[in-house]
Amino acid sequence: MLFGFVFILFLSDSRQDSIHYFARDAKEIYILMLAVFLIFNLTSFLPFNRLFTRFIPFFIIAVVCIFNTPSDNLYTSIEKTVSYILLLLAVPNYVQRAHLDHGRNFYRALLYLCFGILISGFILRFIDPLAVVREDRYQGLFGNPNGLGIFSLLFFFLLTISLEMYTDLLEKREKMLMYGIILLSIIMSGSRGSLFALVIYFVFSFFYRKSPALGTIVAVIVIGSYGYISAHLVQVINLFGLGDYLRVYTLEQGSGRFVAWDFSWQHIQESYWFGRGFEYTEYLFNIPENVIYLQALGHQGNAHNSYITLWLDTGLVGLVTYLFGIMSSVFKASRKTRLAFPLIFAAIFSSFFESWLTASLNPFTIMLFITLSIISTDVIIPEKTAVAVPV
């Protein structure tokens, strides 16, 4: 049931209309089915996974914000709020149940499902090259190249966590093949966010492996130096001869994101503390006059930032309670594995430039919460059995 849900969410990201519309409707029914089965079989899922409880304050705020949403966005806002609640209720418990019932076989099968999704894109590339390319960038079977990059990054996290739990889960050739396909997918997609996030993961995992305190100090230094780093990023990229590959000309122009962020910030002032309901950002950016205005400034799409989107949808209170749910889970996981903070730092960076984290039913959010469920659940990784960070 869990694997079927992951696959349906993957199909929903397709740009093939017949596949996309089928999966769009199917995933809404599927999440309800998962939740109903869970609720009517609670004893089969005991002990109940507590990841959901850390997000209860956020969900209360999200429900309150529904009353602020425009009337023509009301149904969508309710639907989105309910789907996010059900996602956090169902997925951690299904992961925990699968771990208890199937152990290593669950992780091996899940890894091969993700691997199959990536490798299928490469196979199709030889059959119909145009079907997996968009604007001269490889996108595999996903809706766009950045989607492929994000999925590959999250698959990397899941693979690394699984191999740390079961060091002999895969043979050496299987490990090399999976890591190779992940890296190749990120590079060929040209997804700068995913590539930089991967670098961030490796940098922080190196320091956290030495010492959690040292890793925290480095994190504070990097955050404090953000302004300096961003001001000189283009020069550093050009120094290594990667200007064309990383499209530095769009970095200098902000890729339209600065326009979207400024536009969002203006509207945040109208509902600073409590937002206007889930999916309000999408609604706002699709109002015809706003589309015309933003296109004239060189922007297309939505806010391209998960945290600005959360702020618009649920207000500052909602954003803070959401981050509390994430970080409290990470702090708990950090007592068991030094992978926790490097992983979340990389995920935060990735979601800072795309709004994937605010969407409940996509193939990316579920991957993060599957990984977070694994590392923060005592039944899966007891605190007394710490997981080492790979060199």
Protein backbone atom coordinates (compact mmCIF):
# COMPACT_ATOMS: atom_id res chain seq x y z
CA MET A 1 0.00 0.00 0.00
CA LEU A 2 2.81 2.41 0.83
CA PHE A 3 4.75 1.58 -2.34
CA GLY A 4 1.61 2.06 -4.43
CA PHE A 5 1.10 5.49 -2.90
CA VAL A 6 4.69 6.52 -3.65
CA PHE A 7 4.29 5.36 -7.25
CA ILE A 8 0.98 7.18 -7.74
CA LEU A 9 2.54 10.40 -6.42
CA PHE A 10 5.40 9.93 -8.87
CA LEU A 11 2.92 9.54 -11.75
CA SER A 12 1.12 12.72 -10.66
CA ASP A 13 4.26 14.73 -11.50
CA SER A 14 4.13 13.60 -15.13
CA ARG A 15 3.47 16.11 -17.91
CA GLN A 16 1.61 13.49 -19.93
CA ASP A 17 -2.01 14.62 -19.52
CA SER A 18 -3.53 11.13 -19.51
CA ILE A 19 -1.15 9.99 -16.75
CA HIS A 20 -1.23 13.25 -14.78
CA TYR A 21 -5.03 13.54 -14.56
CA PHE A 22 -5.47 9.88 -13.66
CA ALA A 23 -2.84 10.09 -10.89
CA ARG A 24 -4.15 13.45 -9.65
CA ASP A 25 -7.55 11.92 -8.92
CA ALA A 26 -6.16 8.57 -7.77
CA LYS A 27 -3.80 10.06 -5.17
CA GLU A 28 -6.65 11.85 -3.40
CA ILE A 29 -8.57 8.59 -3.10
CA TYR A 30 -5.39 6.71 -2.15
CA ILE A 31 -4.51 8.91 0.83
CA LEU A 32 -8.07 8.55 2.13
CA MET A 33 -7.81 4.78 1.74
CA LEU A 34 -4.54 4.70 3.68
CA ALA A 35 -6.02 6.81 6.48
CA VAL A 36 -9.25 4.80 6.71
CA PHE A 37 -7.34 1.51 6.83
CA LEU A 38 -5.11 2.94 9.57
CA ILE A 39 -7.99 4.26 11.67
CA PHE A 40 -10.00 1.03 11.49
CA ASN A 41 -6.94 -1.11 12.24
CA LEU A 42 -5.24 0.95 14.95
CA THR A 43 -4.26 -2.07 17.00
CA SER A 44 -2.23 -3.37 14.05
CA PHE A 45 -0.18 -0.17 14.05
CA LEU A 46 0.67 -0.05 17.74
CA PRO A 47 2.83 1.47 19.09
CA PHE A 48 1.50 4.58 17.36
CA ASN A 49 4.17 6.67 15.64
CA ARG A 50 4.49 10.05 17.34
CA LEU A 51 5.83 12.09 14.41
CA PHE A 52 2.31 13.37 13.70
CA THR A 53 1.89 14.77 17.23
CA ARG A 54 4.77 17.23 16.72
CA PHE A 55 2.78 18.90 13.95
CA ILE A 56 -0.54 19.21 15.80
CA PRO A 57 -0.01 22.94 16.61
CA PHE A 58 0.70 23.59 12.92
CA PHE A 59 -2.43 21.76 11.80
CA ILE A 60 -4.57 23.72 14.27
CA ILE A 61 -3.24 26.97 12.79
CA ALA A 62 -3.75 25.65 9.24
CA VAL A 63 -7.40 24.88 9.99
CA VAL A 64 -7.93 28.33 11.53
CA CYS A 65 -6.42 29.97 8.42
CA ILE A 66 -9.00 28.30 6.20
CA PHE A 67 -11.52 30.85 7.50
CA ASN A 68 -9.38 33.63 5.97
CA THR A 69 -9.18 32.17 2.47
CA PRO A 70 -11.11 33.65 -0.49
CA SER A 71 -14.41 31.90 -1.14
CA ASP A 72 -13.35 30.54 -4.53
CA ASN A 73 -10.29 28.93 -2.91
CA LEU A 74 -12.22 27.45 0.03
CA TYR A 75 -12.71 23.91 -1.28
CA THR A 76 -9.11 23.61 -2.46
CA SER A 77 -7.80 24.95 0.85
CA ILE A 78 -9.84 22.44 2.86
CA GLU A 79 -8.79 19.59 0.59
CA LYS A 80 -5.11 20.53 0.84
CA THR A 81 -5.23 20.89 4.64
CA VAL A 82 -6.93 17.52 5.09
CA SER A 83 -4.49 15.80 2.71
CA TYR A 84 -1.47 17.18 4.62
CA ILE A 85 -2.94 16.03 7.94
CA LEU A 86 -3.62 12.55 6.54
CA LEU A 87 -0.13 12.36 5.02
CA LEU A 88 1.55 13.01 8.38
CA LEU A 89 -0.88 10.68 10.12
CA ALA A 90 -0.55 7.74 7.73
CA VAL A 91 2.96 7.66 6.25
CA PRO A 92 5.03 7.44 9.50
CA ASN A 93 2.80 4.65 10.78
CA TYR A 94 2.97 2.68 7.54
CA VAL A 95 6.77 3.04 7.52
CA GLN A 96 6.96 1.81 11.10
CA ARG A 97 4.59 -1.10 10.39
CA ALA A 98 6.54 -2.10 7.28
CA HIS A 99 9.79 -1.99 9.26
CA LEU A 100 8.39 -4.26 11.97
CA ASP A 101 6.82 -6.69 9.51
CA HIS A 102 9.48 -6.85 6.81
CA GLY A 103 12.67 -5.30 8.17
CA ARG A 104 15.50 -5.09 5.67
CA ASN A 105 13.34 -6.39 2.82
CA PHE A 106 11.15 -3.29 3.12
CA TYR A 107 14.11 -0.95 2.65
CA ARG A 108 15.59 -2.99 -0.18
CA ALA A 109 12.29 -2.99 -2.08
CA LEU A 110 11.77 0.74 -1.47
CA LEU A 111 15.24 1.56 -2.74
CA TYR A 112 14.68 -0.50 -5.87
CA LEU A 113 11.35 1.25 -6.47
CA CYS A 114 13.11 4.64 -6.41
CA PHE A 115 15.99 3.29 -8.49
CA GLY A 116 13.53 1.92 -11.04
CA ILE A 117 11.94 5.34 -11.40
CA LEU A 118 15.31 6.95 -12.16
CA ILE A 119 16.67 4.22 -14.43
CA SER A 120 13.44 4.18 -16.48
CA GLY A 121 14.13 7.77 -17.49
CA PHE A 122 17.55 6.80 -18.86
CA ILE A 123 16.04 3.87 -20.76
CA LEU A 124 13.40 6.14 -22.32
CA ARG A 125 16.14 8.60 -23.25
CA PHE A 126 17.47 6.06 -25.76
CA ILE A 127 13.98 5.28 -27.09
CA ASP A 128 12.51 8.80 -27.31
CA PRO A 129 15.07 11.46 -26.30
CA LEU A 130 12.64 14.37 -26.64
CA ALA A 131 10.26 12.81 -24.10
CA VAL A 132 12.76 13.24 -21.26
CA VAL A 133 14.19 16.65 -22.14
CA ARG A 134 12.80 20.09 -21.40
CA GLU A 135 14.54 23.28 -22.48
CA ASP A 136 17.71 21.28 -23.22
CA ARG A 137 17.77 19.86 -19.68
CA TYR A 138 17.24 16.21 -18.79
CA GLN A 139 14.11 15.65 -16.70
CA GLY A 140 13.71 11.87 -16.79
CA LEU A 141 10.12 10.82 -16.20
CA PHE A 142 9.39 13.84 -14.01
CA GLY A 143 7.46 16.97 -14.90
CA ASN A 144 10.54 19.19 -14.99
CA PRO A 145 14.34 18.96 -14.46
CA ASN A 146 14.22 20.45 -10.95
CA GLY A 147 11.72 17.76 -9.93
CA LEU A 148 14.17 15.09 -11.03
CA GLY A 149 16.94 16.81 -9.06
CA ILE A 150 14.86 17.04 -5.88
CA PHE A 151 13.73 13.41 -6.08
CA SER A 152 17.31 12.24 -6.68
CA LEU A 153 18.53 14.23 -3.67
CA LEU A 154 15.85 12.75 -1.40
CA PHE A 155 16.53 9.27 -2.76
CA PHE A 156 20.19 9.81 -1.84
CA PHE A 157 19.17 10.54 1.77
CA LEU A 158 16.96 7.46 1.93
CA LEU A 159 19.67 5.25 0.42
CA THR A 160 22.33 6.50 2.84
CA ILE A 161 20.08 6.07 5.88
CA SER A 162 19.10 2.54 4.80
CA LEU A 163 22.70 1.49 4.24
CA GLU A 164 23.69 2.81 7.65
CA MET A 165 20.97 0.73 9.28
CA TYR A 166 21.83 -2.39 7.29
CA THR A 167 25.42 -2.21 6.06
CA ASP A 168 24.99 -5.38 3.99
CA LEU A 169 21.61 -4.41 2.55
CA LEU A 170 23.09 -4.06 -0.93
CA GLU A 171 26.13 -5.54 -2.62
CA LYS A 172 28.97 -3.20 -3.53
CA ARG A 173 27.98 -3.14 -7.20
CA GLU A 174 24.40 -2.29 -6.30
CA LYS A 175 25.53 0.58 -4.07
CA MET A 176 27.81 1.99 -6.75
CA LEU A 177 25.08 1.73 -9.38
CA MET A 178 22.45 3.46 -7.24
CA TYR A 179 24.74 6.26 -6.10
CA GLY A 180 26.00 6.64 -9.69
CA ILE A 181 22.48 6.97 -11.11
CA ILE A 182 21.57 9.50 -8.41
CA LEU A 183 24.61 11.66 -9.08
CA LEU A 184 24.20 11.40 -12.85
CA SER A 185 20.52 12.37 -12.57
CA ILE A 186 21.32 15.47 -10.52
CA ILE A 187 24.14 16.54 -12.86
CA MET A 188 22.17 15.95 -16.07
CA SER A 189 19.09 17.71 -14.68
CA GLY A 190 21.14 20.86 -14.15
CA SER A 191 19.29 21.41 -10.87
CA ARG A 192 21.50 23.89 -9.05
CA GLY A 193 19.47 23.68 -5.85
CA SER A 194 19.84 19.91 -5.61
CA LEU A 195 23.54 20.01 -6.52
CA PHE A 196 24.33 22.68 -3.92
CA ALA A 197 22.18 20.83 -1.36
CA LEU A 198 24.23 17.69 -1.95
CA VAL A 199 27.43 19.66 -1.39
CA ILE A 200 25.96 21.12 1.80
CA TYR A 201 25.15 17.61 3.00
CA PHE A 202 28.70 16.37 2.45
CA VAL A 203 30.27 19.43 4.09
CA PHE A 204 28.14 19.22 7.21
CA SER A 205 28.31 15.44 7.46
CA PHE A 206 32.11 15.76 7.50
CA PHE A 207 32.06 18.14 10.47
CA TYR A 208 29.24 16.35 12.33
CA ARG A 209 31.19 13.12 11.97
CA LYS A 210 34.07 14.78 13.80
CA SER A 211 31.86 16.29 16.47
CA PRO A 212 28.23 17.44 16.75
CA ALA A 213 29.46 20.59 18.51
CA LEU A 214 31.90 21.32 15.68
CA GLY A 215 29.14 20.76 13.13
CA THR A 216 26.87 23.19 14.97
CA ILE A 217 29.60 25.85 15.09
CA VAL A 218 30.20 25.49 11.35
CA ALA A 219 26.45 25.76 10.73
CA VAL A 220 26.29 29.02 12.70
CA ILE A 221 29.30 30.40 10.79
CA VAL A 222 27.79 29.48 7.41
CA ILE A 223 24.42 31.05 8.30
CA GLY A 224 26.16 34.18 9.55
CA SER A 225 28.21 34.37 6.34
CA TYR A 226 25.24 33.90 4.03
CA GLY A 227 25.32 37.49 2.78
CA TYR A 228 29.02 37.32 1.90
CA ILE A 229 28.68 33.90 0.26
CA SER A 230 25.70 34.91 -1.89
CA ALA A 231 27.45 38.15 -2.96
CA HIS A 232 30.51 36.25 -4.25
CA LEU A 233 28.84 33.03 -5.42
CA VAL A 234 28.85 33.94 -9.11
CA GLN A 235 32.58 34.78 -9.06
CA VAL A 236 33.41 31.47 -7.36
CA ILE A 237 31.35 29.50 -9.90
CA ASN A 238 33.04 31.24 -12.82
CA LEU A 239 36.44 30.62 -11.21
CA PHE A 240 35.83 26.86 -11.51
CA GLY A 241 34.62 27.21 -15.10
CA LEU A 242 31.04 26.15 -14.26
CA GLY A 243 29.33 29.37 -15.28
CA ASP A 244 27.54 27.97 -18.34
CA TYR A 245 26.50 24.70 -16.70
CA LEU A 246 25.09 26.43 -13.59
CA ARG A 247 23.54 29.25 -15.66
CA VAL A 248 25.08 32.06 -13.61
CA TYR A 249 23.36 34.65 -15.77
CA THR A 250 20.07 33.60 -14.18
CA LEU A 251 21.65 33.70 -10.73
CA GLU A 252 22.57 37.32 -11.35
CA GLN A 253 19.00 38.02 -12.43
CA GLY A 254 17.53 35.93 -9.61
CA SER A 255 15.82 33.56 -12.10
CA GLY A 256 12.65 35.57 -11.49
CA ARG A 257 12.61 34.39 -7.89
CA PHE A 258 13.43 37.82 -6.48
CA VAL A 259 10.38 39.17 -8.30
CA ALA A 260 8.21 36.41 -6.82
CA TRP A 261 9.63 36.88 -3.32
CA ASP A 262 9.10 40.64 -3.40
CA PHE A 263 5.55 40.16 -4.67
CA SER A 264 4.87 37.58 -1.93
CA TRP A 265 6.32 39.80 0.77
CA GLN A 266 3.94 42.60 -0.17
CA HIS A 267 0.97 40.26 0.30
CA ILE A 268 2.39 38.74 3.49
CA GLN A 269 1.85 42.15 5.13
CA GLU A 270 -1.90 41.70 4.64
CA SER A 271 -1.95 38.51 6.75
CA TYR A 272 1.30 38.60 8.68
CA TRP A 273 0.55 36.41 11.70
CA PHE A 274 -2.18 34.14 10.34
CA GLY A 275 -2.26 33.32 6.64
CA ARG A 276 -5.09 32.83 4.22
CA GLY A 277 -5.23 29.06 4.05
CA PHE A 278 -3.41 26.28 2.25
CA GLU A 279 -3.11 26.77 -1.50
CA TYR A 280 -3.66 30.55 -1.20
CA THR A 281 -0.20 31.20 -2.69
CA GLU A 282 -1.09 29.17 -5.79
CA TYR A 283 -4.41 31.01 -5.98
CA LEU A 284 -2.70 34.40 -5.65
CA PHE A 285 -0.10 33.72 -8.32
CA ASN A 286 -2.75 32.48 -10.77
CA ILE A 287 -5.06 35.50 -10.62
CA PRO A 288 -5.02 36.70 -14.26
CA GLU A 289 -3.93 40.27 -13.53
CA ASN A 290 -1.15 38.99 -11.26
CA VAL A 291 0.04 36.59 -13.96
CA ILE A 292 0.28 39.46 -16.45
CA TYR A 293 2.05 41.68 -13.92
CA LEU A 294 4.62 39.01 -12.96
CA GLN A 295 5.28 37.94 -16.54
CA ALA A 296 6.05 41.56 -17.43
CA LEU A 297 8.73 41.47 -14.70
CA GLY A 298 10.18 38.20 -16.01
CA HIS A 299 8.61 35.67 -13.62
CA GLN A 300 6.52 32.58 -14.23
CA GLY A 301 5.18 30.06 -11.73
CA ASN A 302 4.58 30.42 -8.01
CA ALA A 303 6.60 31.71 -5.04
CA HIS A 304 9.48 29.22 -5.56
CA ASN A 305 10.13 29.13 -1.83
CA SER A 306 8.54 26.68 0.62
CA TYR A 307 8.84 29.03 3.59
CA ILE A 308 7.38 32.09 1.88
CA THR A 309 4.55 29.86 0.66
CA LEU A 310 3.95 28.61 4.21
CA TRP A 311 4.02 32.20 5.48
CA LEU A 312 1.42 33.29 2.92
CA ASP A 313 -0.75 30.24 3.56
CA THR A 314 -0.53 29.91 7.35
CA GLY A 315 1.13 33.13 8.54
CA LEU A 316 4.21 33.52 10.67
CA VAL A 317 2.59 31.50 13.46
CA GLY A 318 1.97 28.63 11.07
CA LEU A 319 5.50 28.80 9.68
CA VAL A 320 7.04 28.72 13.16
CA THR A 321 4.88 25.78 14.29
CA TYR A 322 5.73 23.87 11.11
CA LEU A 323 9.45 24.40 11.61
CA PHE A 324 9.00 23.34 15.24
CA GLY A 325 7.55 20.03 14.04
CA ILE A 326 10.46 19.50 11.66
CA MET A 327 13.24 20.57 14.00
CA SER A 328 11.90 18.74 17.08
CA SER A 329 11.93 15.54 15.00
CA VAL A 330 15.48 16.30 13.84
CA PHE A 331 16.70 17.00 17.39
CA LYS A 332 15.24 13.66 18.47
CA ALA A 333 16.89 11.93 15.52
CA SER A 334 20.23 13.62 16.23
CA ARG A 335 20.49 11.66 19.48
CA LYS A 336 20.59 8.50 17.39
CA THR A 337 22.33 9.47 14.17
CA ARG A 338 24.71 12.23 13.13
CA LEU A 339 23.08 12.19 9.72
CA ALA A 340 20.07 14.13 11.02
CA PHE A 341 21.35 17.71 10.87
CA PRO A 342 23.33 17.42 7.60
CA LEU A 343 20.24 15.88 6.01
CA ILE A 344 17.85 18.58 7.18
CA PHE A 345 20.25 21.42 6.32
CA ALA A 346 20.41 20.11 2.74
CA ALA A 347 16.62 19.66 2.57
CA ILE A 348 16.04 23.18 3.92
CA PHE A 349 18.36 24.61 1.27
CA SER A 350 16.57 22.69 -1.49
CA SER A 351 13.11 23.78 -0.33
CA PHE A 352 14.26 27.39 -0.02
CA PHE A 353 14.31 27.65 -3.83
CA GLU A 354 11.30 25.47 -4.62
CA SER A 355 7.88 25.13 -2.94
CA TRP A 356 7.84 21.32 -2.95
CA LEU A 357 7.73 21.02 0.85
CA THR A 358 4.37 22.80 1.07
CA ALA A 359 2.68 20.31 -1.25
CA SER A 360 1.26 17.27 0.50
CA LEU A 361 0.65 14.94 -2.43
CA ASN A 362 3.82 15.06 -4.53
CA PRO A 363 6.68 12.55 -4.90
CA PHE A 364 9.06 14.75 -2.87
CA THR A 365 7.40 15.57 0.46
CA ILE A 366 6.60 11.91 1.09
CA MET A 367 10.26 10.96 0.52
CA LEU A 368 11.39 13.44 3.16
CA PHE A 369 8.83 12.26 5.68
CA ILE A 370 9.63 8.60 5.05
CA THR A 371 13.28 9.38 5.84
CA LEU A 372 12.36 11.54 8.83
CA SER A 373 10.09 8.77 10.12
CA ILE A 374 12.94 6.29 9.94
CA ILE A 375 15.54 8.34 11.80
CA SER A 376 13.20 9.78 14.46
CA THR A 377 11.32 6.59 15.42
CA ASP A 378 12.64 4.68 18.44
CA VAL A 379 11.10 1.43 17.21
CA ILE A 380 13.22 1.66 14.05
CA ILE A 381 16.46 3.17 15.42
CA PRO A 382 16.74 2.98 19.22
CA GLU A 383 18.59 5.86 20.86
CA LYS A 384 21.19 3.57 22.38
CA THR A 385 22.21 2.33 18.91
CA ALA A 386 23.68 5.39 17.26
CA VAL A 387 24.29 5.37 13.54
CA ALA A 388 27.67 6.49 12.27
CA VAL A 389 28.08 8.97 9.44
CA PRO A 390 29.82 7.51 6.37
CA VAL A 391 33.13 9.06 5.34
